[in-house]
Amino acid sequence: MSLVKAPELDIIRAVARIDAAVSGNEFAEESDRQILLDKLKEWVSKISEPFKSDLCQCPDCGANPGENHKPGCDVERCPHCGNQAILCLYSENDVTIASCDGKIVPDEELLKWSGRWFGYEDCEEYNFWCKWNNGWVPCEKGEIGSQLDMNRLLKECDWDRDAKRFVHRKE
């Protein structure tokens, strides 16, 4: 019998509690461990799937690729600074203003939903990948557990207002 590490066991127990609550079944920890791990992998795969596709709707406001986000969308970004629009953009007398620089943001300058999570293209271009190994560590694309490293993107890059994307920080 193989031992399960503590973090995995915590995840298994959490998934088991959710599964039991939803299905009304009792949870037998030893016999259901692999089934629950498989369910967890399936669940993680399902929730991450929309972010792998270039053709998905915005997960918050439902905007289709190429459309503007709906007001109050949690995913939309400020075209001036790259931060969340709900934290930066505000409307005054039917004019959108960016609080980061106090300048007017014309409608045509608003960032449209691309169909992919913000910053993913930049991470792919710069080859920013990470995986969990008792903390997030850099890795290569394709390694087991690898995912795009958004934290590294924000740490090593700056927002380029003209290009509307992240670029490597100038030293």
N, C-alpha and C. Protein backbone atom coordinates (compact mmCIF):
# COMPACT_ATOMS: atom_id res chain seq x y z
N MET A 1 0.84 -1.19 0.00
CA MET A 1 0.00 0.00 0.00
C MET A 1 0.89 1.24 0.00
N SER A 2 0.61 2.17 -0.92
CA SER A 2 1.42 3.39 -0.99
C SER A 2 0.86 4.45 -0.05
N LEU A 3 1.75 5.22 0.51
CA LEU A 3 1.34 6.29 1.40
C LEU A 3 1.02 7.54 0.61
N VAL A 4 0.07 8.31 1.09
CA VAL A 4 -0.31 9.56 0.46
C VAL A 4 0.25 10.69 1.30
N LYS A 5 0.90 11.65 0.65
CA LYS A 5 1.48 12.78 1.36
C LYS A 5 0.38 13.64 1.97
N ALA A 6 0.71 14.37 3.02
CA ALA A 6 -0.27 15.16 3.75
C ALA A 6 -1.07 16.12 2.88
N PRO A 7 -0.45 16.93 1.98
CA PRO A 7 -1.26 17.83 1.17
C PRO A 7 -2.24 17.09 0.27
N GLU A 8 -1.80 15.93 -0.28
CA GLU A 8 -2.70 15.16 -1.12
C GLU A 8 -3.86 14.62 -0.30
N LEU A 9 -3.57 14.18 0.93
CA LEU A 9 -4.63 13.66 1.80
C LEU A 9 -5.63 14.75 2.14
N ASP A 10 -5.15 15.97 2.37
CA ASP A 10 -6.06 17.08 2.64
C ASP A 10 -6.97 17.33 1.44
N ILE A 11 -6.40 17.26 0.24
CA ILE A 11 -7.20 17.46 -0.97
C ILE A 11 -8.21 16.33 -1.10
N ILE A 12 -7.76 15.10 -0.86
CA ILE A 12 -8.66 13.95 -0.96
C ILE A 12 -9.82 14.11 0.01
N ARG A 13 -9.51 14.48 1.24
CA ARG A 13 -10.58 14.65 2.24
C ARG A 13 -11.54 15.76 1.83
N ALA A 14 -11.00 16.86 1.31
CA ALA A 14 -11.87 17.96 0.89
C ALA A 14 -12.77 17.53 -0.25
N VAL A 15 -12.20 16.84 -1.24
CA VAL A 15 -13.01 16.36 -2.36
C VAL A 15 -14.03 15.35 -1.87
N ALA A 16 -13.62 14.49 -0.95
CA ALA A 16 -14.54 13.48 -0.41
C ALA A 16 -15.71 14.13 0.30
N ARG A 17 -15.44 15.17 1.07
CA ARG A 17 -16.53 15.86 1.77
C ARG A 17 -17.50 16.49 0.78
N ILE A 18 -16.94 17.08 -0.27
CA ILE A 18 -17.79 17.68 -1.30
C ILE A 18 -18.59 16.59 -2.00
N ASP A 19 -17.91 15.51 -2.37
CA ASP A 19 -18.57 14.40 -3.07
C ASP A 19 -19.67 13.80 -2.20
N ALA A 20 -19.40 13.60 -0.91
CA ALA A 20 -20.39 13.02 -0.01
C ALA A 20 -21.58 13.96 0.16
N ALA A 21 -21.29 15.25 0.25
CA ALA A 21 -22.38 16.22 0.41
C ALA A 21 -23.27 16.26 -0.82
N VAL A 22 -22.66 16.16 -1.98
CA VAL A 22 -23.43 16.22 -3.22
C VAL A 22 -24.20 14.93 -3.46
N SER A 23 -23.54 13.79 -3.23
CA SER A 23 -24.18 12.52 -3.54
C SER A 23 -24.95 11.92 -2.38
N GLY A 24 -24.70 12.40 -1.17
CA GLY A 24 -25.37 11.86 0.01
C GLY A 24 -24.79 10.54 0.47
N ASN A 25 -23.64 10.15 -0.08
CA ASN A 25 -23.01 8.87 0.27
C ASN A 25 -22.02 9.05 1.41
N GLU A 26 -21.79 7.96 2.11
CA GLU A 26 -20.75 7.93 3.13
C GLU A 26 -19.40 7.86 2.43
N PHE A 27 -18.36 8.29 3.10
CA PHE A 27 -17.02 8.27 2.52
C PHE A 27 -16.15 7.26 3.26
N ALA A 28 -15.66 6.26 2.54
CA ALA A 28 -14.73 5.29 3.09
C ALA A 28 -13.33 5.67 2.60
N GLU A 29 -12.54 6.31 3.46
CA GLU A 29 -11.28 6.93 3.07
C GLU A 29 -10.33 5.99 2.32
N GLU A 30 -10.08 4.81 2.84
CA GLU A 30 -9.10 3.91 2.23
C GLU A 30 -9.56 3.41 0.87
N SER A 31 -10.76 2.94 0.77
CA SER A 31 -11.20 2.30 -0.48
C SER A 31 -11.48 3.30 -1.60
N ASP A 32 -11.78 4.55 -1.26
CA ASP A 32 -12.15 5.53 -2.28
C ASP A 32 -11.02 6.48 -2.66
N ARG A 33 -9.86 6.29 -2.11
CA ARG A 33 -8.75 7.24 -2.32
C ARG A 33 -8.42 7.43 -3.81
N GLN A 34 -8.21 6.35 -4.54
CA GLN A 34 -7.84 6.47 -5.95
C GLN A 34 -8.99 7.03 -6.78
N ILE A 35 -10.20 6.61 -6.47
CA ILE A 35 -11.37 7.15 -7.18
C ILE A 35 -11.44 8.65 -7.00
N LEU A 36 -11.22 9.12 -5.79
CA LEU A 36 -11.29 10.55 -5.52
C LEU A 36 -10.13 11.30 -6.16
N LEU A 37 -8.96 10.70 -6.18
CA LEU A 37 -7.84 11.35 -6.88
C LEU A 37 -8.16 11.48 -8.37
N ASP A 38 -8.75 10.44 -8.95
CA ASP A 38 -9.15 10.51 -10.36
C ASP A 38 -10.22 11.57 -10.57
N LYS A 39 -11.18 11.68 -9.64
CA LYS A 39 -12.21 12.71 -9.74
C LYS A 39 -11.59 14.10 -9.64
N LEU A 40 -10.63 14.25 -8.75
CA LEU A 40 -9.97 15.54 -8.58
C LEU A 40 -9.22 15.92 -9.85
N LYS A 41 -8.49 14.98 -10.44
CA LYS A 41 -7.78 15.26 -11.69
C LYS A 41 -8.76 15.66 -12.79
N GLU A 42 -9.89 14.94 -12.85
CA GLU A 42 -10.91 15.26 -13.86
C GLU A 42 -11.48 16.66 -13.61
N TRP A 43 -11.73 16.98 -12.34
CA TRP A 43 -12.28 18.29 -11.99
C TRP A 43 -11.30 19.41 -12.34
N VAL A 44 -10.03 19.23 -12.00
CA VAL A 44 -9.01 20.24 -12.31
C VAL A 44 -8.91 20.42 -13.82
N SER A 45 -8.96 19.32 -14.55
CA SER A 45 -8.91 19.39 -16.01
C SER A 45 -10.10 20.16 -16.56
N LYS A 46 -11.28 19.92 -16.01
CA LYS A 46 -12.49 20.61 -16.49
C LYS A 46 -12.44 22.10 -16.21
N ILE A 47 -11.99 22.49 -15.00
CA ILE A 47 -12.01 23.92 -14.70
C ILE A 47 -10.90 24.66 -15.41
N SER A 48 -9.84 23.97 -15.81
CA SER A 48 -8.76 24.66 -16.51
C SER A 48 -8.96 24.66 -18.02
N GLU A 49 -9.86 23.84 -18.52
CA GLU A 49 -10.07 23.71 -19.96
C GLU A 49 -10.40 25.03 -20.65
N PRO A 50 -11.30 25.88 -20.10
CA PRO A 50 -11.61 27.13 -20.80
C PRO A 50 -10.41 28.02 -21.03
N PHE A 51 -9.38 27.90 -20.19
CA PHE A 51 -8.23 28.77 -20.31
C PHE A 51 -7.21 28.24 -21.31
N LYS A 52 -7.43 27.05 -21.83
CA LYS A 52 -6.53 26.47 -22.83
C LYS A 52 -7.01 26.78 -24.24
N SER A 53 -8.25 27.13 -24.38
CA SER A 53 -8.84 27.30 -25.70
C SER A 53 -8.78 28.75 -26.14
N ASP A 54 -8.61 28.97 -27.45
CA ASP A 54 -8.66 30.32 -27.99
C ASP A 54 -10.09 30.72 -28.32
N LEU A 55 -11.04 29.86 -28.10
CA LEU A 55 -12.40 30.12 -28.54
C LEU A 55 -13.40 30.18 -27.40
N CYS A 56 -12.96 30.38 -26.17
CA CYS A 56 -13.90 30.36 -25.06
C CYS A 56 -14.40 31.76 -24.73
N GLN A 57 -15.54 31.80 -24.06
CA GLN A 57 -16.09 33.06 -23.59
C GLN A 57 -15.34 33.49 -22.33
N CYS A 58 -15.41 34.80 -22.04
CA CYS A 58 -14.82 35.31 -20.80
C CYS A 58 -15.48 34.56 -19.64
N PRO A 59 -14.69 34.00 -18.71
CA PRO A 59 -15.27 33.23 -17.62
C PRO A 59 -16.08 34.08 -16.63
N ASP A 60 -15.92 35.40 -16.66
CA ASP A 60 -16.68 36.23 -15.73
C ASP A 60 -17.92 36.84 -16.38
N CYS A 61 -17.74 37.54 -17.50
CA CYS A 61 -18.88 38.28 -18.07
C CYS A 61 -19.50 37.62 -19.29
N GLY A 62 -18.86 36.57 -19.82
CA GLY A 62 -19.43 35.87 -20.97
C GLY A 62 -19.14 36.49 -22.32
N ALA A 63 -18.26 37.51 -22.37
CA ALA A 63 -17.93 38.13 -23.66
C ALA A 63 -17.30 37.08 -24.58
N ASN A 64 -17.66 37.12 -25.83
CA ASN A 64 -17.06 36.24 -26.83
C ASN A 64 -15.72 36.83 -27.27
N PRO A 65 -14.81 36.00 -27.82
CA PRO A 65 -13.56 36.53 -28.33
C PRO A 65 -13.81 37.67 -29.32
N GLY A 66 -13.07 38.77 -29.14
CA GLY A 66 -13.21 39.94 -30.00
C GLY A 66 -14.23 40.95 -29.50
N GLU A 67 -14.98 40.62 -28.45
CA GLU A 67 -15.97 41.54 -27.89
C GLU A 67 -15.41 42.27 -26.67
N ASN A 68 -15.97 43.46 -26.40
CA ASN A 68 -15.63 44.16 -25.16
C ASN A 68 -16.24 43.40 -23.99
N HIS A 69 -15.56 43.49 -22.85
CA HIS A 69 -16.11 42.91 -21.62
C HIS A 69 -17.33 43.73 -21.20
N LYS A 70 -18.18 43.09 -20.42
CA LYS A 70 -19.34 43.80 -19.89
C LYS A 70 -18.91 44.61 -18.66
N PRO A 71 -19.62 45.72 -18.38
CA PRO A 71 -19.24 46.55 -17.22
C PRO A 71 -19.16 45.72 -15.93
N GLY A 72 -18.10 45.98 -15.17
CA GLY A 72 -17.90 45.29 -13.90
C GLY A 72 -17.22 43.94 -14.01
N CYS A 73 -16.77 43.57 -15.21
CA CYS A 73 -16.11 42.27 -15.39
C CYS A 73 -14.82 42.21 -14.58
N ASP A 74 -14.65 41.12 -13.88
CA ASP A 74 -13.49 40.90 -13.02
C ASP A 74 -12.23 40.54 -13.82
N VAL A 75 -12.41 40.14 -15.08
CA VAL A 75 -11.29 39.68 -15.90
C VAL A 75 -10.72 40.80 -16.77
N GLU A 76 -11.54 41.77 -17.14
CA GLU A 76 -11.10 42.86 -18.02
C GLU A 76 -9.90 43.60 -17.41
N ARG A 77 -8.98 44.03 -18.28
CA ARG A 77 -7.78 44.73 -17.85
C ARG A 77 -7.81 46.19 -18.28
N CYS A 78 -7.13 47.05 -17.53
CA CYS A 78 -6.98 48.46 -17.89
C CYS A 78 -5.96 48.55 -19.02
N PRO A 79 -6.31 49.21 -20.13
CA PRO A 79 -5.36 49.31 -21.24
C PRO A 79 -4.17 50.22 -20.94
N HIS A 80 -4.27 51.03 -19.89
CA HIS A 80 -3.17 51.95 -19.55
C HIS A 80 -2.12 51.32 -18.64
N CYS A 81 -2.56 50.44 -17.71
CA CYS A 81 -1.59 49.89 -16.75
C CYS A 81 -1.58 48.37 -16.69
N GLY A 82 -2.58 47.71 -17.25
CA GLY A 82 -2.63 46.25 -17.23
C GLY A 82 -3.27 45.66 -16.00
N ASN A 83 -3.62 46.47 -15.01
CA ASN A 83 -4.28 45.97 -13.82
C ASN A 83 -5.75 45.68 -14.12
N GLN A 84 -6.45 45.09 -13.15
CA GLN A 84 -7.87 44.83 -13.34
C GLN A 84 -8.61 46.13 -13.59
N ALA A 85 -9.44 46.13 -14.60
CA ALA A 85 -10.20 47.33 -14.96
C ALA A 85 -11.13 47.76 -13.83
N ILE A 86 -11.73 46.80 -13.11
CA ILE A 86 -12.66 47.19 -12.04
C ILE A 86 -11.96 47.94 -10.92
N LEU A 87 -10.64 47.79 -10.83
CA LEU A 87 -9.88 48.52 -9.82
C LEU A 87 -9.33 49.84 -10.35
N CYS A 88 -9.37 50.03 -11.66
CA CYS A 88 -8.70 51.17 -12.25
C CYS A 88 -9.64 52.10 -13.05
N LEU A 89 -10.51 51.52 -13.84
CA LEU A 89 -11.37 52.33 -14.71
C LEU A 89 -12.63 52.76 -13.98
N TYR A 90 -13.02 54.00 -14.20
CA TYR A 90 -14.29 54.48 -13.67
C TYR A 90 -14.92 55.40 -14.69
N SER A 91 -16.21 55.59 -14.54
CA SER A 91 -16.96 56.40 -15.51
C SER A 91 -17.40 57.70 -14.85
N GLU A 92 -17.24 58.80 -15.57
CA GLU A 92 -17.65 60.11 -15.09
C GLU A 92 -18.26 60.86 -16.27
N ASN A 93 -19.54 61.21 -16.15
CA ASN A 93 -20.25 61.89 -17.24
C ASN A 93 -20.12 61.11 -18.56
N ASP A 94 -20.35 59.80 -18.50
CA ASP A 94 -20.29 58.91 -19.66
C ASP A 94 -18.92 58.86 -20.34
N VAL A 95 -17.87 59.19 -19.59
CA VAL A 95 -16.50 59.11 -20.10
C VAL A 95 -15.74 58.14 -19.19
N THR A 96 -15.00 57.20 -19.78
CA THR A 96 -14.20 56.26 -19.00
C THR A 96 -12.84 56.87 -18.73
N ILE A 97 -12.45 56.83 -17.45
CA ILE A 97 -11.17 57.40 -17.02
C ILE A 97 -10.37 56.33 -16.30
N ALA A 98 -9.06 56.29 -16.55
CA ALA A 98 -8.16 55.37 -15.85
C ALA A 98 -7.59 56.07 -14.62
N SER A 99 -7.85 55.51 -13.45
CA SER A 99 -7.35 56.14 -12.22
C SER A 99 -5.83 56.03 -12.12
N CYS A 100 -5.21 55.09 -12.86
CA CYS A 100 -3.75 54.93 -12.79
C CYS A 100 -3.01 56.14 -13.33
N ASP A 101 -3.61 56.84 -14.32
CA ASP A 101 -2.93 58.01 -14.88
C ASP A 101 -3.87 59.21 -15.06
N GLY A 102 -5.14 59.04 -14.70
CA GLY A 102 -6.10 60.14 -14.79
C GLY A 102 -6.51 60.49 -16.20
N LYS A 103 -6.16 59.68 -17.17
CA LYS A 103 -6.45 59.99 -18.57
C LYS A 103 -7.73 59.30 -19.05
N ILE A 104 -8.36 59.91 -20.04
CA ILE A 104 -9.56 59.35 -20.65
C ILE A 104 -9.19 58.10 -21.45
N VAL A 105 -10.05 57.09 -21.37
CA VAL A 105 -9.86 55.85 -22.13
C VAL A 105 -10.97 55.78 -23.17
N PRO A 106 -10.66 56.08 -24.44
CA PRO A 106 -11.69 55.98 -25.48
C PRO A 106 -12.17 54.53 -25.61
N ASP A 107 -13.43 54.35 -25.99
CA ASP A 107 -13.99 53.00 -26.12
C ASP A 107 -13.14 52.09 -27.00
N GLU A 108 -12.59 52.64 -28.09
CA GLU A 108 -11.79 51.80 -29.00
C GLU A 108 -10.47 51.36 -28.37
N GLU A 109 -10.09 51.95 -27.24
CA GLU A 109 -8.85 51.58 -26.57
C GLU A 109 -9.08 50.47 -25.53
N LEU A 110 -10.34 50.21 -25.18
CA LEU A 110 -10.62 49.15 -24.21
C LEU A 110 -10.15 47.82 -24.76
N LEU A 111 -9.61 46.97 -23.88
CA LEU A 111 -9.08 45.67 -24.31
C LEU A 111 -10.22 44.68 -24.48
N LYS A 112 -10.32 44.11 -25.64
CA LYS A 112 -11.34 43.13 -25.94
C LYS A 112 -10.91 41.77 -25.40
N TRP A 113 -11.88 40.92 -25.14
CA TRP A 113 -11.58 39.56 -24.69
C TRP A 113 -10.99 38.78 -25.87
N SER A 114 -9.83 38.19 -25.65
CA SER A 114 -9.13 37.47 -26.72
C SER A 114 -9.55 36.01 -26.84
N GLY A 115 -10.22 35.51 -25.81
CA GLY A 115 -10.56 34.10 -25.78
C GLY A 115 -9.63 33.32 -24.89
N ARG A 116 -8.59 33.98 -24.39
CA ARG A 116 -7.63 33.34 -23.48
C ARG A 116 -7.39 34.24 -22.29
N TRP A 117 -6.98 33.62 -21.20
CA TRP A 117 -6.72 34.37 -19.98
C TRP A 117 -5.64 35.41 -20.23
N PHE A 118 -5.81 36.56 -19.64
CA PHE A 118 -4.89 37.69 -19.78
C PHE A 118 -3.47 37.29 -19.41
N GLY A 119 -2.50 37.59 -20.28
CA GLY A 119 -1.09 37.33 -20.02
C GLY A 119 -0.59 35.98 -20.49
N TYR A 120 -1.50 35.07 -20.89
CA TYR A 120 -1.06 33.74 -21.30
C TYR A 120 -0.14 33.80 -22.52
N GLU A 121 -0.48 34.63 -23.51
CA GLU A 121 0.36 34.72 -24.71
C GLU A 121 1.76 35.20 -24.35
N ASP A 122 1.84 36.17 -23.42
CA ASP A 122 3.14 36.70 -23.01
C ASP A 122 3.96 35.63 -22.29
N CYS A 123 3.31 34.87 -21.39
CA CYS A 123 4.02 33.78 -20.70
C CYS A 123 4.55 32.76 -21.69
N GLU A 124 3.74 32.42 -22.68
CA GLU A 124 4.18 31.45 -23.68
C GLU A 124 5.36 31.99 -24.49
N GLU A 125 5.29 33.26 -24.89
CA GLU A 125 6.38 33.85 -25.66
C GLU A 125 7.68 33.87 -24.88
N TYR A 126 7.61 34.21 -23.59
CA TYR A 126 8.82 34.31 -22.76
C TYR A 126 9.20 32.96 -22.12
N ASN A 127 8.41 31.94 -22.42
CA ASN A 127 8.65 30.59 -21.88
C ASN A 127 8.63 30.58 -20.35
N PHE A 128 7.64 31.25 -19.78
CA PHE A 128 7.47 31.28 -18.32
C PHE A 128 6.53 30.15 -17.92
N TRP A 129 7.11 29.09 -17.36
CA TRP A 129 6.36 27.93 -16.90
C TRP A 129 6.76 27.63 -15.47
N CYS A 130 5.84 27.05 -14.71
CA CYS A 130 6.13 26.66 -13.34
C CYS A 130 5.34 25.40 -12.99
N LYS A 131 5.72 24.80 -11.87
CA LYS A 131 4.99 23.65 -11.34
C LYS A 131 5.11 23.69 -9.82
N TRP A 132 4.22 22.98 -9.17
CA TRP A 132 4.23 22.93 -7.71
C TRP A 132 5.19 21.84 -7.25
N ASN A 133 6.14 22.23 -6.39
CA ASN A 133 7.07 21.29 -5.77
C ASN A 133 7.42 21.85 -4.40
N ASN A 134 6.47 21.71 -3.46
CA ASN A 134 6.60 22.35 -2.14
C ASN A 134 6.79 23.85 -2.29
N GLY A 135 6.07 24.43 -3.21
CA GLY A 135 6.15 25.83 -3.59
C GLY A 135 6.26 25.89 -5.11
N TRP A 136 5.92 27.03 -5.70
CA TRP A 136 5.99 27.16 -7.16
C TRP A 136 7.43 27.33 -7.59
N VAL A 137 7.86 26.49 -8.54
CA VAL A 137 9.23 26.54 -9.04
C VAL A 137 9.20 26.61 -10.57
N PRO A 138 10.17 27.31 -11.17
CA PRO A 138 10.23 27.36 -12.64
C PRO A 138 10.44 25.95 -13.21
N CYS A 139 9.92 25.73 -14.39
CA CYS A 139 10.11 24.45 -15.06
C CYS A 139 9.99 24.66 -16.56
N GLU A 140 10.11 23.60 -17.31
CA GLU A 140 9.99 23.65 -18.77
C GLU A 140 8.58 23.30 -19.18
N LYS A 141 8.15 23.84 -20.30
CA LYS A 141 6.86 23.49 -20.87
C LYS A 141 6.82 21.98 -21.11
N GLY A 142 5.71 21.37 -20.78
CA GLY A 142 5.54 19.95 -21.01
C GLY A 142 5.93 19.06 -19.84
N GLU A 143 6.62 19.63 -18.83
CA GLU A 143 6.91 18.82 -17.64
C GLU A 143 5.60 18.51 -16.95
N ILE A 144 5.55 17.37 -16.28
CA ILE A 144 4.33 16.98 -15.57
C ILE A 144 3.99 18.07 -14.55
N GLY A 145 2.75 18.55 -14.61
CA GLY A 145 2.28 19.57 -13.69
C GLY A 145 2.61 21.00 -14.11
N SER A 146 3.22 21.17 -15.29
CA SER A 146 3.60 22.53 -15.69
C SER A 146 2.39 23.37 -16.06
N GLN A 147 2.48 24.65 -15.75
CA GLN A 147 1.46 25.61 -16.13
C GLN A 147 2.13 26.96 -16.35
N LEU A 148 1.42 27.84 -17.03
CA LEU A 148 1.97 29.16 -17.30
C LEU A 148 2.21 29.90 -15.99
N ASP A 149 3.34 30.59 -15.91
CA ASP A 149 3.77 31.24 -14.67
C ASP A 149 3.43 32.73 -14.69
N MET A 150 2.19 33.03 -14.31
CA MET A 150 1.73 34.42 -14.28
C MET A 150 2.47 35.24 -13.21
N ASN A 151 2.86 34.61 -12.12
CA ASN A 151 3.60 35.34 -11.08
C ASN A 151 4.93 35.84 -11.62
N ARG A 152 5.62 35.01 -12.38
CA ARG A 152 6.90 35.42 -12.96
C ARG A 152 6.68 36.54 -13.98
N LEU A 153 5.60 36.44 -14.75
CA LEU A 153 5.29 37.49 -15.71
C LEU A 153 5.17 38.84 -15.02
N LEU A 154 4.42 38.87 -13.91
CA LEU A 154 4.23 40.14 -13.19
C LEU A 154 5.50 40.60 -12.49
N LYS A 155 6.34 39.65 -12.12
CA LYS A 155 7.58 39.99 -11.41
C LYS A 155 8.66 40.50 -12.36
N GLU A 156 8.77 39.93 -13.56
CA GLU A 156 9.88 40.24 -14.46
C GLU A 156 9.52 41.15 -15.63
N CYS A 157 8.25 41.48 -15.77
CA CYS A 157 7.82 42.27 -16.92
C CYS A 157 7.03 43.50 -16.50
N ASP A 158 6.97 44.46 -17.38
CA ASP A 158 6.17 45.67 -17.18
C ASP A 158 5.12 45.75 -18.27
N TRP A 159 4.04 46.46 -17.97
CA TRP A 159 2.98 46.67 -18.94
C TRP A 159 3.41 47.74 -19.94
N ASP A 160 3.31 47.44 -21.21
CA ASP A 160 3.60 48.40 -22.27
C ASP A 160 2.27 48.94 -22.78
N ARG A 161 2.00 50.19 -22.45
CA ARG A 161 0.71 50.78 -22.78
C ARG A 161 0.45 50.82 -24.28
N ASP A 162 1.48 51.12 -25.06
CA ASP A 162 1.30 51.20 -26.51
C ASP A 162 1.08 49.82 -27.14
N ALA A 163 1.86 48.83 -26.69
CA ALA A 163 1.74 47.48 -27.24
C ALA A 163 0.57 46.72 -26.62
N LYS A 164 0.06 47.20 -25.47
CA LYS A 164 -1.05 46.55 -24.75
C LYS A 164 -0.69 45.12 -24.36
N ARG A 165 0.53 44.98 -23.82
CA ARG A 165 1.00 43.67 -23.40
C ARG A 165 2.17 43.83 -22.44
N PHE A 166 2.60 42.73 -21.83
CA PHE A 166 3.76 42.76 -20.95
C PHE A 166 5.04 42.62 -21.77
N VAL A 167 6.07 43.37 -21.38
CA VAL A 167 7.38 43.28 -22.00
C VAL A 167 8.42 43.14 -20.90
N HIS A 168 9.55 42.49 -21.23
CA HIS A 168 10.61 42.32 -20.25
C HIS A 168 11.03 43.68 -19.70
N ARG A 169 11.20 43.71 -18.38
CA ARG A 169 11.62 44.94 -17.69
C ARG A 169 13.01 45.34 -18.12
N LYS A 170 13.19 46.61 -18.37
CA LYS A 170 14.51 47.13 -18.72
C LYS A 170 15.30 47.33 -17.44
N GLU A 171 16.48 46.79 -17.39
CA GLU A 171 17.31 46.87 -16.17
C GLU A 171 17.95 48.22 -16.03
